[in-house]
Amino acid sequence: MLDGGIRVLTINVAVLLAVVVLIRLRRRTEARSRMDERFTVVIVLALGVLIAPTPVGEGIFDFVGQLASGITQSSR
C-alpha cells in the first residue's frame, strides 16, 4: 500500500500482451485486414522481446533449439 492507503495494481506487460495476442488470434482469418495482421505481428514481436530475457524465454529458446537440432539430425 502507498502512504494514503491506496492499493496499487501492477500488471505484467508481457502477460497483458499475451492475452491480447490470444484474443486477436481467435478471430477468423477472413475477417482480418492487412493492417490488422500487421498490428498482430507487431504485438507478437513486442511480446517476444519482453519474454526473451526471462527464464521462461530462455527455456523456450532452449526447447526450440533442441527441437530444431533433432529435426536437422533426423533428416541426415
Protein backbone atom coordinates (compact mmCIF):
# COMPACT_ATOMS: atom_id res chain seq x y z
CA MET A 1 0.00 0.00 0.00
CA LEU A 2 1.03 3.56 -0.51
CA ASP A 3 1.06 6.17 2.26
CA GLY A 4 -2.57 7.14 1.74
CA GLY A 5 -3.85 3.57 1.96
CA ILE A 6 -4.27 3.28 -1.81
CA ARG A 7 -3.62 -0.15 -3.28
CA VAL A 8 -1.63 -0.26 -6.46
CA LEU A 9 -2.34 -2.97 -9.02
CA THR A 10 0.62 -3.86 -11.17
CA ILE A 11 0.08 -5.62 -14.46
CA ASN A 12 2.88 -7.50 -16.12
CA VAL A 13 3.08 -6.10 -19.65
CA ALA A 14 4.12 -9.46 -21.10
CA VAL A 15 1.05 -11.14 -19.63
CA LEU A 16 -1.18 -8.36 -20.93
CA LEU A 17 0.30 -8.67 -24.43
CA ALA A 18 -0.10 -12.45 -24.33
CA VAL A 19 -3.80 -12.03 -23.56
CA VAL A 20 -4.18 -9.50 -26.38
CA VAL A 21 -2.43 -11.87 -28.82
CA LEU A 22 -4.68 -14.78 -27.82
CA ILE A 23 -7.80 -12.67 -28.28
CA ARG A 24 -6.64 -11.37 -31.66
CA LEU A 25 -5.66 -14.83 -32.92
CA ARG A 26 -9.07 -16.29 -32.07
CA ARG A 27 -10.67 -14.10 -34.74
CA ARG A 28 -11.46 -15.67 -38.09
CA THR A 29 -8.80 -15.22 -40.74
CA GLU A 30 -11.29 -13.94 -43.30
CA ALA A 31 -12.27 -11.07 -41.01
CA ARG A 32 -8.74 -9.64 -40.80
CA SER A 33 -7.42 -6.80 -42.90
CA ARG A 34 -3.76 -6.41 -43.83
CA MET A 35 -3.38 -3.64 -41.28
CA ASP A 36 -4.93 -5.87 -38.62
CA GLU A 37 -2.47 -8.66 -39.46
CA ARG A 38 0.49 -6.26 -39.33
CA PHE A 39 -0.63 -4.98 -35.94
CA THR A 40 -0.84 -8.55 -34.64
CA VAL A 41 2.70 -9.21 -35.88
CA VAL A 42 3.99 -6.09 -34.11
CA ILE A 43 2.30 -7.16 -30.86
CA VAL A 44 3.78 -10.67 -31.12
CA LEU A 45 7.26 -9.24 -31.75
CA ALA A 46 6.92 -6.94 -28.73
CA LEU A 47 5.83 -9.93 -26.64
CA GLY A 48 8.87 -11.86 -27.81
CA VAL A 49 11.19 -9.01 -26.85
CA LEU A 50 9.63 -8.85 -23.39
CA ILE A 51 9.75 -12.60 -22.80
CA ALA A 52 13.23 -13.29 -24.25
CA PRO A 53 15.40 -12.20 -21.27
CA THR A 54 13.27 -14.03 -18.70
CA PRO A 55 13.86 -17.62 -17.50
CA VAL A 56 10.70 -18.66 -19.36
CA GLY A 57 12.03 -17.13 -22.56
CA GLU A 58 15.37 -18.87 -22.15
CA GLY A 59 13.56 -22.18 -21.60
CA ILE A 60 11.51 -21.68 -24.75
CA PHE A 61 14.68 -20.81 -26.67
CA ASP A 62 16.44 -23.94 -25.42
CA PHE A 63 13.43 -26.13 -26.26
CA VAL A 64 13.09 -24.75 -29.78
CA GLY A 65 16.85 -25.11 -30.30
CA GLN A 66 16.76 -28.76 -29.25
CA LEU A 67 13.71 -29.38 -31.44
CA ALA A 68 15.41 -27.81 -34.47
CA SER A 69 18.59 -29.78 -33.78
CA GLY A 70 16.61 -33.03 -33.57
CA ILE A 71 14.82 -32.29 -36.84
CA THR A 72 18.10 -31.45 -38.57
CA GLN A 73 19.78 -34.64 -37.32
CA SER A 74 16.83 -36.84 -38.27
CA SER A 75 16.86 -35.54 -41.86
CA ARG A 76 20.51 -36.58 -42.38
